Amino acid sequence: MKPLRTIRNPGTRLVSAFVLACGLSHGLAGLAAEAAKPADQPWIAPARAARKPNPVAVDANSITQGRALFTMACEPCHGPSGKGDGPAAPSLERKPGNLTDPKMWEQSDGALFWKIGEGKNPMPVFQEVLSEEQRWQVVNYVRTLAPQNKTIDTTKGTTP
């Protein structure tokens, strides 16, 4: 059987629309199942992911790049300052996280990187959209949004 994109006949649009509709209905069923889960459960990265060190230097360049990526990918929901008040936020079934909360420092860079990559409904999966380096740059930028509590060890994401 030929891939759908190489079929050339008048019914191609109808077939494409049917395949798209089936894919959307399957995806929406998955989203509905995810939305049925309790919303107040903490979102915790696996330990192996949380321990992953950030290979991208925290410097003006990586923060600038991270900000540009944040503006494009995250700002619609998290808002320009990261408070979870972006223009798309009111339409979501779950309020986006407040990235300005000092408790953000309780999470390791690896945990933030994992969350950006994996997503959690309604947050999209970004591992296919942003490269690893870009996701680390977003982590570096997000770190600038919350005031840092000086008693937290940011390499481990825990208090000493």
C-alpha atoms as a PDB file:
ATOM      1  CA  MET A   1       0.000   0.000   0.000  1.00  0.00           C
ATOM      2  CA  LYS A   2       1.318   3.433  -0.929  1.00  0.00           C
ATOM      3  CA  PRO A   3       1.703   6.138   1.722  1.00  0.00           C
ATOM      4  CA  LEU A   4      -1.281   8.477   1.756  1.00  0.00           C
ATOM      5  CA  ARG A   5       0.684  11.459   0.515  1.00  0.00           C
ATOM      6  CA  THR A   6       1.599   9.731  -2.783  1.00  0.00           C
ATOM      7  CA  ILE A   7      -1.974   8.725  -3.702  1.00  0.00           C
ATOM      8  CA  ARG A   8      -3.144  10.969  -6.509  1.00  0.00           C
ATOM      9  CA  ASN A   9      -6.854  10.773  -7.172  1.00  0.00           C
ATOM     10  CA  PRO A  10      -9.932  12.965  -6.692  1.00  0.00           C
ATOM     11  CA  GLY A  11     -10.853  11.199  -3.424  1.00  0.00           C
ATOM     12  CA  THR A  12      -7.528  11.974  -1.755  1.00  0.00           C
ATOM     13  CA  ARG A  13      -8.944  14.939   0.151  1.00  0.00           C
ATOM     14  CA  LEU A  14     -11.801  12.812   1.450  1.00  0.00           C
ATOM     15  CA  VAL A  15      -9.418  10.042   2.534  1.00  0.00           C
ATOM     16  CA  SER A  16      -7.078  12.586   4.133  1.00  0.00           C
ATOM     17  CA  ALA A  17      -9.976  14.200   5.994  1.00  0.00           C
ATOM     18  CA  PHE A  18     -11.159  10.789   7.241  1.00  0.00           C
ATOM     19  CA  VAL A  19      -7.677   9.812   8.455  1.00  0.00           C
ATOM     20  CA  LEU A  20      -7.299  13.201  10.139  1.00  0.00           C
ATOM     21  CA  ALA A  21     -10.710  12.904  11.812  1.00  0.00           C
ATOM     22  CA  CYS A  22      -9.896   9.402  13.087  1.00  0.00           C
ATOM     23  CA  GLY A  23      -6.562  10.603  14.426  1.00  0.00           C
ATOM     24  CA  LEU A  24      -8.170  13.599  16.109  1.00  0.00           C
ATOM     25  CA  SER A  25     -10.919  11.548  17.712  1.00  0.00           C
ATOM     26  CA  HIS A  26      -8.349   9.070  19.024  1.00  0.00           C
ATOM     27  CA  GLY A  27      -6.219  11.916  20.340  1.00  0.00           C
ATOM     28  CA  LEU A  28      -9.216  13.626  21.941  1.00  0.00           C
ATOM     29  CA  ALA A  29     -10.190  10.371  23.656  1.00  0.00           C
ATOM     30  CA  GLY A  30      -6.695  10.227  25.138  1.00  0.00           C
ATOM     31  CA  LEU A  31      -6.940  13.841  26.245  1.00  0.00           C
ATOM     32  CA  ALA A  32     -10.324  13.195  27.860  1.00  0.00           C
ATOM     33  CA  ALA A  33      -8.890  10.229  29.772  1.00  0.00           C
ATOM     34  CA  GLU A  34      -5.967  12.366  30.933  1.00  0.00           C
ATOM     35  CA  ALA A  35      -8.307  15.195  31.940  1.00  0.00           C
ATOM     36  CA  ALA A  36     -10.357  12.740  34.023  1.00  0.00           C
ATOM     37  CA  LYS A  37      -7.344  12.140  36.269  1.00  0.00           C
ATOM     38  CA  PRO A  38      -7.189  14.220  39.447  1.00  0.00           C
ATOM     39  CA  ALA A  39      -5.641  17.592  38.592  1.00  0.00           C
ATOM     40  CA  ASP A  40      -4.100  18.241  41.971  1.00  0.00           C
ATOM     41  CA  GLN A  41      -1.556  15.429  41.929  1.00  0.00           C
ATOM     42  CA  PRO A  42       1.999  16.794  42.002  1.00  0.00           C
ATOM     43  CA  TRP A  43       3.923  16.512  38.775  1.00  0.00           C
ATOM     44  CA  ILE A  44       7.177  14.802  39.681  1.00  0.00           C
ATOM     45  CA  ALA A  45       9.909  13.917  37.229  1.00  0.00           C
ATOM     46  CA  PRO A  46      11.450  10.440  37.488  1.00  0.00           C
ATOM     47  CA  ALA A  47      14.613  10.405  39.622  1.00  0.00           C
ATOM     48  CA  ARG A  48      16.816   9.481  36.652  1.00  0.00           C
ATOM     49  CA  ALA A  49      15.546  12.534  34.758  1.00  0.00           C
ATOM     50  CA  ALA A  50      15.791  14.844  37.767  1.00  0.00           C
ATOM     51  CA  ARG A  51      19.469  13.927  38.222  1.00  0.00           C
ATOM     52  CA  LYS A  52      20.382  14.828  34.644  1.00  0.00           C
ATOM     53  CA  PRO A  53      22.832  17.755  34.682  1.00  0.00           C
ATOM     54  CA  ASN A  54      22.323  20.815  32.513  1.00  0.00           C
ATOM     55  CA  PRO A  55      25.035  20.748  29.806  1.00  0.00           C
ATOM     56  CA  VAL A  56      24.234  24.269  28.553  1.00  0.00           C
ATOM     57  CA  ALA A  57      26.129  27.074  30.251  1.00  0.00           C
ATOM     58  CA  VAL A  58      23.970  29.623  32.017  1.00  0.00           C
ATOM     59  CA  ASP A  59      25.096  32.768  30.238  1.00  0.00           C
ATOM     60  CA  ALA A  60      23.565  35.755  28.477  1.00  0.00           C
ATOM     61  CA  ASN A  61      23.411  33.892  25.152  1.00  0.00           C
ATOM     62  CA  SER A  62      21.589  30.810  26.448  1.00  0.00           C
ATOM     63  CA  ILE A  63      19.166  32.946  28.455  1.00  0.00           C
ATOM     64  CA  THR A  64      18.450  35.149  25.421  1.00  0.00           C
ATOM     65  CA  GLN A  65      17.864  32.071  23.251  1.00  0.00           C
ATOM     66  CA  GLY A  66      15.705  30.533  25.988  1.00  0.00           C
ATOM     67  CA  ARG A  67      13.625  33.679  26.237  1.00  0.00           C
ATOM     68  CA  ALA A  68      12.942  33.679  22.485  1.00  0.00           C
ATOM     69  CA  LEU A  69      11.900  30.022  22.628  1.00  0.00           C
ATOM     70  CA  PHE A  70       9.763  30.654  25.719  1.00  0.00           C
ATOM     71  CA  THR A  71       8.023  33.540  23.948  1.00  0.00           C
ATOM     72  CA  MET A  72       7.181  31.295  21.001  1.00  0.00           C
ATOM     73  CA  ALA A  73       6.299  28.040  22.766  1.00  0.00           C
ATOM     74  CA  CYS A  74       5.389  28.792  26.388  1.00  0.00           C
ATOM     75  CA  GLU A  75       4.106  32.359  26.620  1.00  0.00           C
ATOM     76  CA  PRO A  76       0.656  31.647  25.125  1.00  0.00           C
ATOM     77  CA  CYS A  77      -0.197  29.656  28.272  1.00  0.00           C
ATOM     78  CA  HIS A  78       2.334  30.685  30.927  1.00  0.00           C
ATOM     79  CA  GLY A  79       2.181  34.399  30.023  1.00  0.00           C
ATOM     80  CA  PRO A  80       4.986  36.890  29.340  1.00  0.00           C
ATOM     81  CA  SER A  81       6.243  36.839  32.924  1.00  0.00           C
ATOM     82  CA  GLY A  82       5.568  33.123  33.533  1.00  0.00           C
ATOM     83  CA  LYS A  83       2.700  33.544  36.015  1.00  0.00           C
ATOM     84  CA  GLY A  84       0.376  31.146  34.161  1.00  0.00           C
ATOM     85  CA  ASP A  85      -1.767  33.992  32.845  1.00  0.00           C
ATOM     86  CA  GLY A  86      -1.172  33.820  29.111  1.00  0.00           C
ATOM     87  CA  PRO A  87      -3.949  34.519  26.599  1.00  0.00           C
ATOM     88  CA  ALA A  88      -4.653  30.784  26.132  1.00  0.00           C
ATOM     89  CA  ALA A  89      -4.762  30.041  29.887  1.00  0.00           C
ATOM     90  CA  PRO A  90      -8.477  30.800  30.460  1.00  0.00           C
ATOM     91  CA  SER A  91      -9.516  28.196  27.897  1.00  0.00           C
ATOM     92  CA  LEU A  92      -7.464  25.384  29.487  1.00  0.00           C
ATOM     93  CA  GLU A  93      -9.003  22.857  31.863  1.00  0.00           C
ATOM     94  CA  ARG A  94      -5.947  23.170  34.112  1.00  0.00           C
ATOM     95  CA  LYS A  95      -4.220  26.436  34.981  1.00  0.00           C
ATOM     96  CA  PRO A  96      -0.638  26.579  33.684  1.00  0.00           C
ATOM     97  CA  GLY A  97       2.058  26.500  36.340  1.00  0.00           C
ATOM     98  CA  ASN A  98       3.323  29.713  37.899  1.00  0.00           C
ATOM     99  CA  LEU A  99       6.988  29.776  36.895  1.00  0.00           C
ATOM    100  CA  THR A 100       7.644  32.812  39.104  1.00  0.00           C
ATOM    101  CA  ASP A 101       7.035  30.857  42.318  1.00  0.00           C
ATOM    102  CA  PRO A 102      10.278  30.550  44.342  1.00  0.00           C
ATOM    103  CA  LYS A 103       9.364  26.867  44.806  1.00  0.00           C
ATOM    104  CA  MET A 104      10.495  26.397  41.209  1.00  0.00           C
ATOM    105  CA  TRP A 105      14.011  26.259  42.682  1.00  0.00           C
ATOM    106  CA  GLU A 106      13.040  23.073  44.521  1.00  0.00           C
ATOM    107  CA  GLN A 107      13.070  21.366  41.133  1.00  0.00           C
ATOM    108  CA  SER A 108      16.330  20.415  39.489  1.00  0.00           C
ATOM    109  CA  ASP A 109      17.253  21.559  36.005  1.00  0.00           C
ATOM    110  CA  GLY A 110      16.878  17.936  34.901  1.00  0.00           C
ATOM    111  CA  ALA A 111      13.314  17.788  36.252  1.00  0.00           C
ATOM    112  CA  LEU A 112      12.362  20.976  34.394  1.00  0.00           C
ATOM    113  CA  PHE A 113      14.018  19.696  31.215  1.00  0.00           C
ATOM    114  CA  TRP A 114      12.070  16.425  31.487  1.00  0.00           C
ATOM    115  CA  LYS A 115       8.754  18.232  32.044  1.00  0.00           C
ATOM    116  CA  ILE A 116       9.311  20.485  29.033  1.00  0.00           C
ATOM    117  CA  GLY A 117      10.106  17.464  26.882  1.00  0.00           C
ATOM    118  CA  GLU A 118       7.336  15.163  28.140  1.00  0.00           C
ATOM    119  CA  GLY A 119       4.514  17.647  28.642  1.00  0.00           C
ATOM    120  CA  LYS A 120       1.388  16.914  30.667  1.00  0.00           C
ATOM    121  CA  ASN A 121      -2.076  17.680  29.413  1.00  0.00           C
ATOM    122  CA  PRO A 122      -2.796  20.453  28.580  1.00  0.00           C
ATOM    123  CA  MET A 123       0.929  21.229  28.217  1.00  0.00           C
ATOM    124  CA  PRO A 124       2.207  19.912  24.882  1.00  0.00           C
ATOM    125  CA  VAL A 125       5.117  17.528  24.432  1.00  0.00           C
ATOM    126  CA  PHE A 126       8.081  19.633  23.291  1.00  0.00           C
ATOM    127  CA  GLN A 127      10.728  16.937  22.754  1.00  0.00           C
ATOM    128  CA  GLU A 128       9.745  16.654  19.090  1.00  0.00           C
ATOM    129  CA  VAL A 129       9.477  20.428  18.603  1.00  0.00           C
ATOM    130  CA  LEU A 130      12.505  21.747  20.467  1.00  0.00           C
ATOM    131  CA  SER A 131      15.978  20.235  20.333  1.00  0.00           C
ATOM    132  CA  GLU A 132      17.699  19.140  23.551  1.00  0.00           C
ATOM    133  CA  GLU A 133      19.834  22.275  23.517  1.00  0.00           C
ATOM    134  CA  GLN A 134      16.767  24.461  23.023  1.00  0.00           C
ATOM    135  CA  ARG A 135      14.977  22.805  25.948  1.00  0.00           C
ATOM    136  CA  TRP A 136      18.011  23.407  28.184  1.00  0.00           C
ATOM    137  CA  GLN A 137      18.017  27.045  27.040  1.00  0.00           C
ATOM    138  CA  VAL A 138      14.365  27.317  28.076  1.00  0.00           C
ATOM    139  CA  VAL A 139      15.320  25.875  31.487  1.00  0.00           C
ATOM    140  CA  ASN A 140      18.035  28.529  31.790  1.00  0.00           C
ATOM    141  CA  TYR A 141      15.540  31.275  30.963  1.00  0.00           C
ATOM    142  CA  VAL A 142      12.803  29.922  33.245  1.00  0.00           C
ATOM    143  CA  ARG A 143      15.302  30.057  36.109  1.00  0.00           C
ATOM    144  CA  THR A 144      15.354  33.864  35.701  1.00  0.00           C
ATOM    145  CA  LEU A 145      11.600  34.140  36.347  1.00  0.00           C
ATOM    146  CA  ALA A 146      11.532  33.053  40.002  1.00  0.00           C
ATOM    147  CA  PRO A 147      13.492  34.638  42.841  1.00  0.00           C
ATOM    148  CA  GLN A 148      16.061  32.197  44.137  1.00  0.00           C
ATOM    149  CA  ASN A 149      15.929  30.976  47.706  1.00  0.00           C
ATOM    150  CA  LYS A 150      19.612  30.885  48.700  1.00  0.00           C
ATOM    151  CA  THR A 151      19.144  27.784  50.894  1.00  0.00           C
ATOM    152  CA  ILE A 152      18.349  25.525  47.949  1.00  0.00           C
ATOM    153  CA  ASP A 153      20.975  23.444  46.144  1.00  0.00           C
ATOM    154  CA  THR A 154      19.931  23.947  42.493  1.00  0.00           C
ATOM    155  CA  THR A 155      22.067  21.074  41.190  1.00  0.00           C
ATOM    156  CA  LYS A 156      20.003  18.542  43.135  1.00  0.00           C
ATOM    157  CA  GLY A 157      16.748  20.433  43.467  1.00  0.00           C
ATOM    158  CA  THR A 158      16.591  19.859  47.217  1.00  0.00           C
ATOM    159  CA  THR A 159      17.418  21.797  50.321  1.00  0.00           C
ATOM    160  CA  PRO A 160      20.803  20.915  51.849  1.00  0.00           C
END
